[in-house]
Amino acid sequence: MNLDEAGRLQDAWKTKHGDKLCHHTRIVDSLIAQDGQNTGNLVCRECGAIFPTLRNPLPDSSPPH
């Protein structure tokens, strides 16, 4: 899904539901930039909300080989 599609979902959600909260039960894998690259963000297919992908802030703690 790209930013334009997410924006259309956001507009449709606001028109239909106003300020009602979405439970974000239909999240897709990724938001795609105009150049086709993965932005690293997720999008709710229900309301169009965009979420940053959570990354582990801790350094790799796997044991050395």
PDB file of N, CA and C in Angstrom:
ATOM      1  N   MET A   1       0.844  -1.159   0.000  1.00  0.00           N
ATOM      2  CA  MET A   1       0.000   0.000   0.000  1.00  0.00           C
ATOM      3  C   MET A   1       0.897   1.232   0.000  1.00  0.00           C
ATOM      4  N   ASN A   2       0.485   2.252  -0.740  1.00  0.00           N
ATOM      5  CA  ASN A   2       1.282   3.479  -0.771  1.00  0.00           C
ATOM      6  C   ASN A   2       0.597   4.586   0.045  1.00  0.00           C
ATOM      7  N   LEU A   3       1.248   5.735   0.143  1.00  0.00           N
ATOM      8  CA  LEU A   3       0.725   6.846   0.948  1.00  0.00           C
ATOM      9  C   LEU A   3      -0.622   7.359   0.440  1.00  0.00           C
ATOM     10  N   ASP A   4      -0.820   7.382  -0.874  1.00  0.00           N
ATOM     11  CA  ASP A   4      -2.096   7.842  -1.432  1.00  0.00           C
ATOM     12  C   ASP A   4      -3.234   6.917  -1.000  1.00  0.00           C
ATOM     13  N   GLU A   5      -2.995   5.614  -1.074  1.00  0.00           N
ATOM     14  CA  GLU A   5      -4.020   4.646  -0.664  1.00  0.00           C
ATOM     15  C   GLU A   5      -4.322   4.773   0.829  1.00  0.00           C
ATOM     16  N   ALA A   6      -3.280   4.947   1.633  1.00  0.00           N
ATOM     17  CA  ALA A   6      -3.472   5.118   3.072  1.00  0.00           C
ATOM     18  C   ALA A   6      -4.282   6.386   3.352  1.00  0.00           C
ATOM     19  N   GLY A   7      -3.994   7.450   2.635  1.00  0.00           N
ATOM     20  CA  GLY A   7      -4.735   8.699   2.801  1.00  0.00           C
ATOM     21  C   GLY A   7      -6.203   8.541   2.455  1.00  0.00           C
ATOM     22  N   ARG A   8      -6.495   7.804   1.391  1.00  0.00           N
ATOM     23  CA  ARG A   8      -7.890   7.566   1.011  1.00  0.00           C
ATOM     24  C   ARG A   8      -8.610   6.762   2.097  1.00  0.00           C
ATOM     25  N   LEU A   9      -7.927   5.762   2.668  1.00  0.00           N
ATOM     26  CA  LEU A   9      -8.527   4.994   3.761  1.00  0.00           C
ATOM     27  C   LEU A   9      -8.790   5.880   4.971  1.00  0.00           C
ATOM     28  N   GLN A  10      -7.853   6.775   5.285  1.00  0.00           N
ATOM     29  CA  GLN A  10      -8.027   7.684   6.415  1.00  0.00           C
ATOM     30  C   GLN A  10      -9.244   8.586   6.202  1.00  0.00           C
ATOM     31  N   ASP A  11      -9.380   9.132   4.991  1.00  0.00           N
ATOM     32  CA  ASP A  11     -10.517   9.996   4.680  1.00  0.00           C
ATOM     33  C   ASP A  11     -11.835   9.228   4.775  1.00  0.00           C
ATOM     34  N   ALA A  12     -11.849   8.016   4.234  1.00  0.00           N
ATOM     35  CA  ALA A  12     -13.064   7.196   4.269  1.00  0.00           C
ATOM     36  C   ALA A  12     -13.443   6.845   5.704  1.00  0.00           C
ATOM     37  N   TRP A  13     -12.438   6.524   6.526  1.00  0.00           N
ATOM     38  CA  TRP A  13     -12.713   6.189   7.928  1.00  0.00           C
ATOM     39  C   TRP A  13     -13.341   7.392   8.645  1.00  0.00           C
ATOM     40  N   LYS A  14     -12.750   8.575   8.451  1.00  0.00           N
ATOM     41  CA  LYS A  14     -13.259   9.775   9.118  1.00  0.00           C
ATOM     42  C   LYS A  14     -14.675  10.104   8.661  1.00  0.00           C
ATOM     43  N   THR A  15     -14.948   9.914   7.374  1.00  0.00           N
ATOM     44  CA  THR A  15     -16.279  10.184   6.846  1.00  0.00           C
ATOM     45  C   THR A  15     -17.300   9.219   7.441  1.00  0.00           C
ATOM     46  N   LYS A  16     -16.937   7.964   7.530  1.00  0.00           N
ATOM     47  CA  LYS A  16     -17.876   6.940   8.001  1.00  0.00           C
ATOM     48  C   LYS A  16     -17.971   6.874   9.522  1.00  0.00           C
ATOM     49  N   HIS A  17     -16.831   7.028  10.227  1.00  0.00           N
ATOM     50  CA  HIS A  17     -16.794   6.781  11.670  1.00  0.00           C
ATOM     51  C   HIS A  17     -16.454   8.005  12.517  1.00  0.00           C
ATOM     52  N   GLY A  18     -16.077   9.110  11.912  1.00  0.00           N
ATOM     53  CA  GLY A  18     -15.723  10.302  12.678  1.00  0.00           C
ATOM     54  C   GLY A  18     -14.511  10.052  13.566  1.00  0.00           C
ATOM     55  N   ASP A  19     -14.663  10.323  14.853  1.00  0.00           N
ATOM     56  CA  ASP A  19     -13.554  10.176  15.805  1.00  0.00           C
ATOM     57  C   ASP A  19     -13.504   8.800  16.461  1.00  0.00           C
ATOM     58  N   LYS A  20     -14.318   7.868  16.006  1.00  0.00           N
ATOM     59  CA  LYS A  20     -14.325   6.526  16.588  1.00  0.00           C
ATOM     60  C   LYS A  20     -12.947   5.881  16.433  1.00  0.00           C
ATOM     61  N   LEU A  21     -12.494   5.211  17.484  1.00  0.00           N
ATOM     62  CA  LEU A  21     -11.199   4.544  17.447  1.00  0.00           C
ATOM     63  C   LEU A  21     -11.269   3.256  16.622  1.00  0.00           C
ATOM     64  N   CYS A  22     -10.215   2.982  15.901  1.00  0.00           N
ATOM     65  CA  CYS A  22     -10.076   1.747  15.136  1.00  0.00           C
ATOM     66  C   CYS A  22      -9.250   0.779  15.976  1.00  0.00           C
ATOM     67  N   HIS A  23      -9.583  -0.500  15.897  1.00  0.00           N
ATOM     68  CA  HIS A  23      -8.837  -1.522  16.643  1.00  0.00           C
ATOM     69  C   HIS A  23      -7.635  -2.044  15.863  1.00  0.00           C
ATOM     70  N   HIS A  24      -7.443  -1.577  14.642  1.00  0.00           N
ATOM     71  CA  HIS A  24      -6.294  -1.930  13.795  1.00  0.00           C
ATOM     72  C   HIS A  24      -6.108  -3.446  13.681  1.00  0.00           C
ATOM     73  N   THR A  25      -7.175  -4.140  13.389  1.00  0.00           N
ATOM     74  CA  THR A  25      -7.103  -5.601  13.271  1.00  0.00           C
ATOM     75  C   THR A  25      -6.689  -6.057  11.880  1.00  0.00           C
ATOM     76  N   ARG A  26      -6.588  -5.148  10.932  1.00  0.00           N
ATOM     77  CA  ARG A  26      -6.228  -5.514   9.553  1.00  0.00           C
ATOM     78  C   ARG A  26      -4.955  -4.800   9.116  1.00  0.00           C
ATOM     79  N   ILE A  27      -3.865  -5.013   9.803  1.00  0.00           N
ATOM     80  CA  ILE A  27      -2.604  -4.359   9.457  1.00  0.00           C
ATOM     81  C   ILE A  27      -1.891  -5.156   8.369  1.00  0.00           C
ATOM     82  N   VAL A  28      -1.401  -4.441   7.361  1.00  0.00           N
ATOM     83  CA  VAL A  28      -0.632  -5.075   6.290  1.00  0.00           C
ATOM     84  C   VAL A  28       0.849  -5.043   6.632  1.00  0.00           C
ATOM     85  N   ASP A  29       1.648  -5.736   5.857  1.00  0.00           N
ATOM     86  CA  ASP A  29       3.071  -5.848   6.138  1.00  0.00           C
ATOM     87  C   ASP A  29       3.837  -4.552   5.980  1.00  0.00           C
ATOM     88  N   SER A  30       3.522  -3.775   4.957  1.00  0.00           N
ATOM     89  CA  SER A  30       4.398  -2.630   4.730  1.00  0.00           C
ATOM     90  C   SER A  30       3.725  -1.489   3.979  1.00  0.00           C
ATOM     91  N   LEU A  31       4.291  -0.312   4.177  1.00  0.00           N
ATOM     92  CA  LEU A  31       3.925   0.879   3.425  1.00  0.00           C
ATOM     93  C   LEU A  31       5.017   1.085   2.387  1.00  0.00           C
ATOM     94  N   ILE A  32       4.619   1.251   1.143  1.00  0.00           N
ATOM     95  CA  ILE A  32       5.555   1.376   0.035  1.00  0.00           C
ATOM     96  C   ILE A  32       5.673   2.841  -0.393  1.00  0.00           C
ATOM     97  N   ALA A  33       6.893   3.326  -0.548  1.00  0.00           N
ATOM     98  CA  ALA A  33       7.146   4.696  -1.010  1.00  0.00           C
ATOM     99  C   ALA A  33       6.849   4.803  -2.504  1.00  0.00           C
ATOM    100  N   GLN A  34       6.820   6.030  -3.010  1.00  0.00           N
ATOM    101  CA  GLN A  34       6.539   6.253  -4.435  1.00  0.00           C
ATOM    102  C   GLN A  34       7.542   5.560  -5.339  1.00  0.00           C
ATOM    103  N   ASP A  35       8.781   5.416  -4.875  1.00  0.00           N
ATOM    104  CA  ASP A  35       9.797   4.766  -5.701  1.00  0.00           C
ATOM    105  C   ASP A  35       9.760   3.241  -5.600  1.00  0.00           C
ATOM    106  N   GLY A  36       8.757   2.708  -4.857  1.00  0.00           N
ATOM    107  CA  GLY A  36       8.597   1.263  -4.749  1.00  0.00           C
ATOM    108  C   GLY A  36       9.358   0.613  -3.606  1.00  0.00           C
ATOM    109  N   GLN A  37      10.102   1.417  -2.852  1.00  0.00           N
ATOM    110  CA  GLN A  37      10.875   0.882  -1.734  1.00  0.00           C
ATOM    111  C   GLN A  37       9.997   0.747  -0.491  1.00  0.00           C
ATOM    112  N   ASN A  38      10.299  -0.239   0.321  1.00  0.00           N
ATOM    113  CA  ASN A  38       9.614  -0.435   1.577  1.00  0.00           C
ATOM    114  C   ASN A  38      10.035   0.676   2.543  1.00  0.00           C
ATOM    115  N   THR A  39       9.063   1.352   3.165  1.00  0.00           N
ATOM    116  CA  THR A  39       9.367   2.442   4.093  1.00  0.00           C
ATOM    117  C   THR A  39       9.703   1.930   5.485  1.00  0.00           C
ATOM    118  N   GLY A  40       9.406   0.679   5.762  1.00  0.00           N
ATOM    119  CA  GLY A  40       9.612   0.142   7.101  1.00  0.00           C
ATOM    120  C   GLY A  40       8.434   0.411   8.019  1.00  0.00           C
ATOM    121  N   ASN A  41       7.356   0.970   7.494  1.00  0.00           N
ATOM    122  CA  ASN A  41       6.164   1.254   8.284  1.00  0.00           C
ATOM    123  C   ASN A  41       5.057   0.267   7.959  1.00  0.00           C
ATOM    124  N   LEU A  42       4.087   0.161   8.861  1.00  0.00           N
ATOM    125  CA  LEU A  42       2.909  -0.679   8.679  1.00  0.00           C
ATOM    126  C   LEU A  42       1.696   0.215   8.500  1.00  0.00           C
ATOM    127  N   VAL A  43       0.660  -0.311   7.832  1.00  0.00           N
ATOM    128  CA  VAL A  43      -0.570   0.452   7.600  1.00  0.00           C
ATOM    129  C   VAL A  43      -1.772  -0.394   7.992  1.00  0.00           C
ATOM    130  N   CYS A  44      -2.735   0.223   8.687  1.00  0.00           N
ATOM    131  CA  CYS A  44      -3.994  -0.442   8.990  1.00  0.00           C
ATOM    132  C   CYS A  44      -4.879  -0.367   7.743  1.00  0.00           C
ATOM    133  N   ARG A  45      -5.339  -1.504   7.265  1.00  0.00           N
ATOM    134  CA  ARG A  45      -6.172  -1.529   6.066  1.00  0.00           C
ATOM    135  C   ARG A  45      -7.594  -1.075   6.362  1.00  0.00           C
ATOM    136  N   GLU A  46      -7.930  -0.954   7.619  1.00  0.00           N
ATOM    137  CA  GLU A  46      -9.263  -0.510   7.998  1.00  0.00           C
ATOM    138  C   GLU A  46      -9.360   1.013   7.998  1.00  0.00           C
ATOM    139  N   CYS A  47      -8.425   1.688   8.675  1.00  0.00           N
ATOM    140  CA  CYS A  47      -8.526   3.143   8.843  1.00  0.00           C
ATOM    141  C   CYS A  47      -7.389   3.927   8.187  1.00  0.00           C
ATOM    142  N   GLY A  48      -6.362   3.237   7.685  1.00  0.00           N
ATOM    143  CA  GLY A  48      -5.257   3.919   7.013  1.00  0.00           C
ATOM    144  C   GLY A  48      -4.182   4.464   7.932  1.00  0.00           C
ATOM    145  N   ALA A  49      -4.281   4.189   9.229  1.00  0.00           N
ATOM    146  CA  ALA A  49      -3.261   4.679  10.165  1.00  0.00           C
ATOM    147  C   ALA A  49      -1.909   4.062   9.827  1.00  0.00           C
ATOM    148  N   ILE A  50      -0.863   4.863   9.948  1.00  0.00           N
ATOM    149  CA  ILE A  50       0.496   4.416   9.638  1.00  0.00           C
ATOM    150  C   ILE A  50       1.269   4.289  10.943  1.00  0.00           C
ATOM    151  N   PHE A  51       1.958   3.158  11.099  1.00  0.00           N
ATOM    152  CA  PHE A  51       2.712   2.867  12.309  1.00  0.00           C
ATOM    153  C   PHE A  51       4.159   2.571  11.957  1.00  0.00           C
ATOM    154  N   PRO A  52       5.097   3.114  12.731  1.00  0.00           N
ATOM    155  CA  PRO A  52       6.500   2.741  12.510  1.00  0.00           C
ATOM    156  C   PRO A  52       6.699   1.285  12.914  1.00  0.00           C
ATOM    157  N   THR A  53       7.547   0.591  12.199  1.00  0.00           N
ATOM    158  CA  THR A  53       7.881  -0.777  12.561  1.00  0.00           C
ATOM    159  C   THR A  53       8.717  -0.731  13.825  1.00  0.00           C
ATOM    160  N   LEU A  54       8.351  -1.540  14.781  1.00  0.00           N
ATOM    161  CA  LEU A  54       9.117  -1.580  16.025  1.00  0.00           C
ATOM    162  C   LEU A  54      10.395  -2.349  15.782  1.00  0.00           C
ATOM    163  N   ARG A  55      11.485  -1.739  16.141  1.00  0.00           N
ATOM    164  CA  ARG A  55      12.788  -2.392  15.990  1.00  0.00           C
ATOM    165  C   ARG A  55      13.366  -2.604  17.375  1.00  0.00           C
ATOM    166  N   ASN A  56      14.133  -3.647  17.540  1.00  0.00           N
ATOM    167  CA  ASN A  56      14.753  -3.939  18.818  1.00  0.00           C
ATOM    168  C   ASN A  56      15.849  -2.896  19.072  1.00  0.00           C
ATOM    169  N   PRO A  57      15.693  -2.052  20.116  1.00  0.00           N
ATOM    170  CA  PRO A  57      16.688  -1.009  20.369  1.00  0.00           C
ATOM    171  C   PRO A  57      17.954  -1.541  21.039  1.00  0.00           C
ATOM    172  N   LEU A  58      17.923  -2.790  21.477  1.00  0.00           N
ATOM    173  CA  LEU A  58      19.079  -3.361  22.156  1.00  0.00           C
ATOM    174  C   LEU A  58      20.055  -3.957  21.154  1.00  0.00           C
ATOM    175  N   PRO A  59      21.355  -3.896  21.432  1.00  0.00           N
ATOM    176  CA  PRO A  59      22.318  -4.514  20.527  1.00  0.00           C
ATOM    177  C   PRO A  59      22.125  -6.026  20.511  1.00  0.00           C
ATOM    178  N   ASP A  60      22.581  -6.637  19.452  1.00  0.00           N
ATOM    179  CA  ASP A  60      22.464  -8.101  19.312  1.00  0.00           C
ATOM    180  C   ASP A  60      23.154  -8.765  20.489  1.00  0.00           C
ATOM    181  N   SER A  61      22.414  -9.579  21.217  1.00  0.00           N
ATOM    182  CA  SER A  61      22.981 -10.236  22.408  1.00  0.00           C
ATOM    183  C   SER A  61      23.178 -11.734  22.184  1.00  0.00           C
ATOM    184  N   SER A  62      23.203 -12.138  20.916  1.00  0.00           N
ATOM    185  CA  SER A  62      23.417 -13.557  20.657  1.00  0.00           C
ATOM    186  C   SER A  62      24.859 -13.929  21.013  1.00  0.00           C
ATOM    187  N   PRO A  63      25.054 -15.167  21.488  1.00  0.00           N
ATOM    188  CA  PRO A  63      26.407 -15.576  21.898  1.00  0.00           C
ATOM    189  C   PRO A  63      27.348 -15.627  20.704  1.00  0.00           C
ATOM    190  N   PRO A  64      28.628 -15.326  20.912  1.00  0.00           N
ATOM    191  CA  PRO A  64      29.601 -15.392  19.811  1.00  0.00           C
ATOM    192  C   PRO A  64      29.770 -16.830  19.344  1.00  0.00           C
ATOM    193  N   HIS A  65      30.189 -16.964  18.102  1.00  0.00           N
ATOM    194  CA  HIS A  65      30.385 -18.303  17.525  1.00  0.00           C
ATOM    195  C   HIS A  65      31.654 -18.934  17.990  1.00  0.00           C
TER     196      HIS A  65
END
